[in-house]
Amino acid sequence: MKKRMSGMGLTGLGLAASLAVSALTGCSAKTEAKTSADDGVTVVKVGTGNNSAPFCYIDEDGNPIGYDLDVLRELDKRLAEYEFDIQTMDFSTLVVSIDSGSIDMISHQLVKSEARKEKYLFPDEYYCLSPMSLCVRSDSGIAGMGDMAGKAMEQNPSAYEYQMMMAYNEAHPGKEIEIIGVSDQSTADAYKKVSNGQVDAALTYKATYDSVMDDLGITNLSLTDVVMCEDTYMMFARDQAELVAAVSQATKEMKEDGTLGDISKKWFGGEDVFTSYADMVTIVVD
């Protein structure tokens, strides 16, 4: 009988990428990262995040929870030939781990960019739609991207959203948004900068906004309607073609039977993002 998925919370892995590489020295080679259980079930090492509510994070009892975790648990139940061994870690460590072969796949709300497709495999089916809004000052008069011409926001240059905003600017000459590059900034700090007027807006998710604002105590911010939407995917090592196909088929079935919609409602304030945003087209970045 197939074993149930194990959840191994590796909290406190705020390591620099170089340290992570060192820590991974001596790990199994890529072909050995996957082992087989006694009953013939293939063990798949899955990496996900530890600090990205409501998608993948650690609760107050040290347990990994979130939208991604629920989707992975459902996939694990449906794929009888696989057993998922989930490991939670910082995003930078996830990338190092899949490159070294110590994990086989990543679930962390990733977009299928052309650059990533050169290095990794992606399923045909997205497993989440991530609608994004603007966090703005309530008195700003900003209701959408059209109101941001000449105004400023911050983005991490290594993030896909930065490239999306660059693509937006290219598509709207004369109405460009000033994009300020930042790194290692928390969502709470980004909201505080909007609140005190250092920048005009922050691109964010409603679910993230709701969870962060509960603890901030800031009263002069509001959220616009959705301005763009990302389709997000699980990402696999290039030697995992069979696993990719299996996950893609199971994900398609979970969409069709409403399972993903139900998980979405649980984590996104009762909203089924698959029904609400399936027709929204995101900006495509090469």
Protein backbone atom coordinates (compact mmCIF):
# COMPACT_ATOMS: atom_id res chain seq x y z
CA MET A 1 0.00 0.00 0.00
CA LYS A 2 1.20 3.48 -0.76
CA LYS A 3 2.63 5.38 2.19
CA ARG A 4 1.21 8.77 3.08
CA MET A 5 3.21 11.89 2.33
CA SER A 6 5.65 13.02 4.97
CA GLY A 7 6.08 16.71 5.79
CA MET A 8 9.56 17.74 6.84
CA GLY A 9 9.66 21.37 7.93
CA LEU A 10 13.15 22.71 7.53
CA THR A 11 12.68 26.04 9.22
CA GLY A 12 15.53 28.46 9.73
CA LEU A 13 17.17 27.82 6.39
CA GLY A 14 17.91 31.46 5.67
CA LEU A 15 21.21 30.56 4.05
CA ALA A 16 23.03 32.29 1.28
CA ALA A 17 23.12 30.31 -1.93
CA SER A 18 26.82 29.63 -1.54
CA LEU A 19 26.31 28.13 1.91
CA ALA A 20 23.44 26.04 0.59
CA VAL A 21 25.70 24.63 -2.11
CA SER A 22 28.27 23.75 0.51
CA ALA A 23 25.65 22.10 2.69
CA LEU A 24 24.53 20.00 -0.23
CA THR A 25 27.99 18.65 -0.96
CA GLY A 26 27.94 14.90 -0.84
CA CYS A 27 24.20 14.61 -1.53
CA SER A 28 23.02 11.94 -3.89
CA ALA A 29 23.47 12.49 -7.58
CA LYS A 30 20.35 13.42 -9.56
CA THR A 31 19.67 9.84 -10.61
CA GLU A 32 19.84 8.81 -6.94
CA ALA A 33 17.69 11.59 -5.51
CA LYS A 34 14.65 9.43 -6.18
CA THR A 35 14.39 6.08 -4.36
CA SER A 36 11.78 3.36 -4.47
CA ALA A 37 9.72 2.13 -1.55
CA ASP A 38 9.48 -1.60 -0.83
CA ASP A 39 6.09 -1.81 -2.56
CA GLY A 40 7.42 -0.30 -5.79
CA VAL A 41 6.12 3.21 -5.16
CA THR A 42 8.56 5.88 -6.36
CA VAL A 43 9.54 8.43 -3.73
CA VAL A 44 9.64 11.97 -5.13
CA LYS A 45 11.46 14.69 -3.21
CA VAL A 46 9.35 17.84 -3.41
CA GLY A 47 10.61 21.25 -2.37
CA THR A 48 8.28 24.06 -1.32
CA GLY A 49 8.55 27.34 0.59
CA ASN A 50 8.45 28.16 4.29
CA ASN A 51 7.56 31.87 4.34
CA SER A 52 5.03 32.66 1.62
CA ALA A 53 1.55 32.82 3.14
CA PRO A 54 -1.03 31.75 2.13
CA PHE A 55 0.72 29.50 -0.40
CA CYS A 56 3.44 27.70 1.55
CA TYR A 57 4.53 28.59 5.07
CA ILE A 58 5.05 27.26 8.59
CA ASP A 59 2.29 27.63 11.16
CA GLU A 60 2.80 28.44 14.85
CA ASP A 61 3.13 24.74 15.64
CA GLY A 62 5.91 24.25 13.11
CA ASN A 63 3.75 22.51 10.50
CA PRO A 64 3.97 23.30 6.76
CA ILE A 65 0.59 24.58 5.53
CA GLY A 66 -0.92 26.60 2.70
CA TYR A 67 -2.49 26.31 -0.73
CA ASP A 68 0.54 24.59 -2.26
CA LEU A 69 0.69 22.04 0.55
CA ASP A 70 -2.98 21.12 0.10
CA VAL A 71 -2.53 20.71 -3.65
CA LEU A 72 0.54 18.53 -3.12
CA ARG A 73 -1.33 16.35 -0.63
CA GLU A 74 -4.15 15.85 -3.10
CA LEU A 75 -1.73 15.01 -5.92
CA ASP A 76 0.01 12.53 -3.63
CA LYS A 77 -3.30 10.78 -2.92
CA ARG A 78 -4.20 10.58 -6.60
CA LEU A 79 -0.83 9.42 -7.94
CA ALA A 80 -0.69 5.89 -6.59
CA GLU A 81 2.65 5.19 -8.21
CA TYR A 82 4.38 8.06 -6.39
CA GLU A 83 4.99 9.05 -2.77
CA PHE A 84 5.76 12.72 -2.09
CA ASP A 85 8.45 13.55 0.45
CA ILE A 86 7.93 17.28 1.05
CA GLN A 87 10.75 19.50 2.24
CA THR A 88 10.18 23.17 3.11
CA MET A 89 12.96 25.71 2.73
CA ASP A 90 13.88 29.21 1.60
CA PHE A 91 13.33 29.93 -2.08
CA SER A 92 17.04 30.39 -2.83
CA THR A 93 17.73 26.98 -1.28
CA LEU A 94 14.97 25.43 -3.42
CA VAL A 95 16.71 26.51 -6.61
CA VAL A 96 20.07 25.24 -5.41
CA SER A 97 18.48 21.95 -4.38
CA ILE A 98 16.81 21.22 -7.71
CA ASP A 99 19.98 22.17 -9.56
CA SER A 100 22.05 19.80 -7.41
CA GLY A 101 19.54 16.95 -7.76
CA SER A 102 18.62 16.71 -4.07
CA ILE A 103 14.97 17.45 -4.91
CA ASP A 104 13.00 16.45 -7.98
CA MET A 105 10.43 19.23 -8.19
CA ILE A 106 9.47 22.62 -6.75
CA SER A 107 6.03 23.95 -5.80
CA HIS A 108 6.33 27.68 -5.09
CA GLN A 109 3.95 29.64 -7.36
CA LEU A 110 6.40 29.74 -10.26
CA VAL A 111 5.68 31.16 -13.70
CA LYS A 112 6.69 29.32 -16.84
CA SER A 113 9.17 31.85 -18.24
CA GLU A 114 11.22 31.13 -21.35
CA ALA A 115 14.44 31.32 -19.32
CA ARG A 116 13.20 28.70 -16.88
CA LYS A 117 11.97 26.42 -19.64
CA GLU A 118 15.54 26.20 -20.93
CA LYS A 119 16.64 24.59 -17.64
CA TYR A 120 13.60 22.81 -16.22
CA LEU A 121 10.43 20.94 -17.19
CA PHE A 122 6.91 22.25 -16.64
CA PRO A 123 3.54 20.49 -16.89
CA ASP A 124 0.95 21.62 -19.42
CA GLU A 125 -1.49 22.47 -16.64
CA TYR A 126 -1.11 25.38 -14.23
CA TYR A 127 -2.09 24.59 -10.64
CA CYS A 128 -2.99 28.09 -9.53
CA LEU A 129 -3.97 31.49 -10.86
CA SER A 130 -2.48 34.33 -8.87
CA PRO A 131 -4.47 37.55 -9.34
CA MET A 132 -2.48 40.65 -8.45
CA SER A 133 -3.75 44.02 -7.30
CA LEU A 134 -2.11 47.28 -6.27
CA CYS A 135 -1.70 48.21 -2.63
CA VAL A 136 -2.11 52.01 -2.61
CA ARG A 137 -2.84 54.87 -0.23
CA SER A 138 -6.58 55.24 0.18
CA ASP A 139 -6.40 58.89 -0.89
CA SER A 140 -4.14 58.27 -3.92
CA GLY A 141 -6.83 58.13 -6.58
CA ILE A 142 -5.09 55.06 -8.08
CA ALA A 143 -7.60 52.47 -9.25
CA GLY A 144 -5.51 50.53 -11.76
CA MET A 145 -2.40 50.42 -13.91
CA GLY A 146 -3.60 53.32 -16.05
CA ASP A 147 -3.37 55.61 -13.03
CA MET A 148 0.26 54.64 -12.36
CA ALA A 149 1.82 56.56 -15.27
CA GLY A 150 4.83 58.45 -13.94
CA LYS A 151 4.39 56.98 -10.49
CA ALA A 152 6.76 54.62 -8.67
CA MET A 153 6.71 51.11 -7.30
CA GLU A 154 9.41 48.69 -6.17
CA GLN A 155 10.21 45.22 -7.47
CA ASN A 156 12.96 42.67 -6.95
CA PRO A 157 14.96 42.57 -10.23
CA SER A 158 15.32 38.79 -9.89
CA ALA A 159 11.54 38.29 -9.68
CA TYR A 160 9.33 37.52 -12.65
CA GLU A 161 7.05 40.41 -11.68
CA TYR A 162 9.92 42.82 -12.37
CA GLN A 163 10.11 41.52 -15.94
CA MET A 164 6.33 41.78 -16.23
CA MET A 165 6.48 45.44 -15.27
CA MET A 166 9.28 46.07 -17.75
CA ALA A 167 7.13 44.44 -20.44
CA TYR A 168 4.20 46.60 -19.36
CA ASN A 169 6.31 49.75 -19.75
CA GLU A 170 7.44 48.68 -23.23
CA ALA A 171 3.81 48.17 -24.22
CA HIS A 172 2.76 51.60 -22.88
CA PRO A 173 5.24 54.21 -24.18
CA GLY A 174 4.72 57.61 -22.60
CA LYS A 175 2.81 56.03 -19.71
CA GLU A 176 5.66 54.14 -18.08
CA ILE A 177 5.77 53.32 -14.40
CA GLU A 178 8.99 54.01 -12.52
CA ILE A 179 10.25 50.64 -11.31
CA ILE A 180 12.75 50.81 -8.45
CA GLY A 181 14.86 47.69 -7.93
CA VAL A 182 14.99 46.29 -4.39
CA SER A 183 15.96 42.94 -2.90
CA ASP A 184 15.36 41.12 0.38
CA GLN A 185 12.41 43.31 1.33
CA SER A 186 9.47 41.92 3.25
CA THR A 187 5.91 42.47 2.10
CA ALA A 188 5.20 44.36 5.32
CA ASP A 189 8.05 46.79 4.62
CA ALA A 190 6.78 47.28 1.07
CA TYR A 191 3.35 48.22 2.39
CA LYS A 192 4.89 50.59 4.94
CA LYS A 193 6.69 52.45 2.14
CA VAL A 194 3.39 52.92 0.33
CA SER A 195 1.78 54.11 3.56
CA ASN A 196 4.43 56.76 4.23
CA GLY A 197 4.61 57.93 0.61
CA GLN A 198 8.05 56.61 -0.36
CA VAL A 199 6.45 54.81 -3.32
CA ASP A 200 3.00 55.02 -4.84
CA ALA A 201 1.98 51.36 -4.95
CA ALA A 202 3.02 47.77 -4.35
CA LEU A 203 2.01 44.92 -6.65
CA THR A 204 0.57 42.23 -4.40
CA TYR A 205 -1.90 39.39 -3.91
CA LYS A 206 -5.17 39.96 -2.06
CA ALA A 207 -4.60 36.92 0.14
CA THR A 208 -1.15 38.22 1.09
CA TYR A 209 -2.54 41.70 1.70
CA ASP A 210 -5.24 40.38 3.99
CA SER A 211 -2.84 38.25 6.03
CA VAL A 212 -0.15 40.94 6.39
CA MET A 213 -2.44 43.89 7.10
CA ASP A 214 -3.95 42.10 10.08
CA ASP A 215 -0.66 42.56 11.94
CA LEU A 216 0.48 45.96 10.60
CA GLY A 217 -2.11 48.25 12.11
CA ILE A 218 -1.93 50.63 9.11
CA THR A 219 -5.21 52.31 8.28
CA ASN A 220 -4.44 54.48 5.23
CA LEU A 221 -4.02 51.71 2.63
CA SER A 222 -6.45 49.99 0.28
CA LEU A 223 -6.36 47.39 -2.47
CA THR A 224 -7.39 47.99 -6.09
CA ASP A 225 -9.25 45.51 -8.23
CA VAL A 226 -7.14 42.85 -9.95
CA VAL A 227 -4.77 44.45 -12.47
CA MET A 228 -3.06 41.32 -13.86
CA CYS A 229 -3.01 37.59 -13.25
CA GLU A 230 -0.21 35.01 -13.29
CA ASP A 231 -0.72 31.37 -14.16
CA THR A 232 1.66 29.41 -11.94
CA TYR A 233 3.20 25.96 -12.29
CA MET A 234 5.19 23.33 -10.49
CA MET A 235 8.74 23.05 -11.82
CA PHE A 236 10.67 19.81 -12.36
CA ALA A 237 14.22 18.63 -12.98
CA ARG A 238 14.81 17.78 -16.63
CA ASP A 239 14.99 14.03 -15.97
CA GLN A 240 11.43 13.88 -14.58
CA ALA A 241 9.38 13.69 -17.81
CA GLU A 242 7.17 10.82 -16.62
CA LEU A 243 6.42 12.56 -13.33
CA VAL A 244 5.62 15.79 -15.18
CA ALA A 245 3.07 14.01 -17.36
CA ALA A 246 1.45 12.32 -14.35
CA VAL A 247 1.20 15.58 -12.38
CA SER A 248 -0.18 17.44 -15.39
CA GLN A 249 -2.94 14.88 -15.94
CA ALA A 250 -3.86 14.79 -12.25
CA THR A 251 -3.91 18.60 -12.11
CA LYS A 252 -6.25 18.71 -15.11
CA GLU A 253 -8.60 16.27 -13.38
CA MET A 254 -8.48 18.33 -10.17
CA LYS A 255 -9.56 21.41 -12.14
CA GLU A 256 -12.36 19.59 -13.89
CA ASP A 257 -13.83 17.98 -10.77
CA GLY A 258 -13.66 21.22 -8.75
CA THR A 259 -11.00 20.11 -6.26
CA LEU A 260 -8.64 22.98 -7.07
CA GLY A 261 -11.52 25.42 -6.85
CA ASP A 262 -12.37 24.13 -3.38
CA ILE A 263 -8.75 24.44 -2.21
CA SER A 264 -8.69 27.95 -3.66
CA LYS A 265 -11.79 28.91 -1.68
CA LYS A 266 -10.18 27.60 1.51
CA TRP A 267 -7.05 29.75 1.21
CA PHE A 268 -8.21 32.77 -0.79
CA GLY A 269 -11.12 34.06 1.26
CA GLY A 270 -13.81 31.96 -0.37
CA GLU A 271 -12.83 32.86 -3.94
CA ASP A 272 -12.45 30.28 -6.70
CA VAL A 273 -9.64 31.86 -8.74
CA PHE A 274 -10.15 29.34 -11.55
CA THR A 275 -13.68 30.60 -12.13
CA SER A 276 -12.92 34.28 -11.55
CA TYR A 277 -9.70 34.72 -13.52
CA ALA A 278 -9.36 31.92 -16.07
CA ASP A 279 -10.00 34.38 -18.92
CA MET A 280 -7.46 36.97 -17.81
CA VAL A 281 -4.36 37.11 -19.97
CA THR A 282 -1.10 37.93 -18.25
CA ILE A 283 1.75 39.85 -19.82
CA VAL A 284 4.07 37.36 -21.53
CA VAL A 285 7.75 37.79 -20.79
CA ASP A 286 10.50 36.06 -22.82
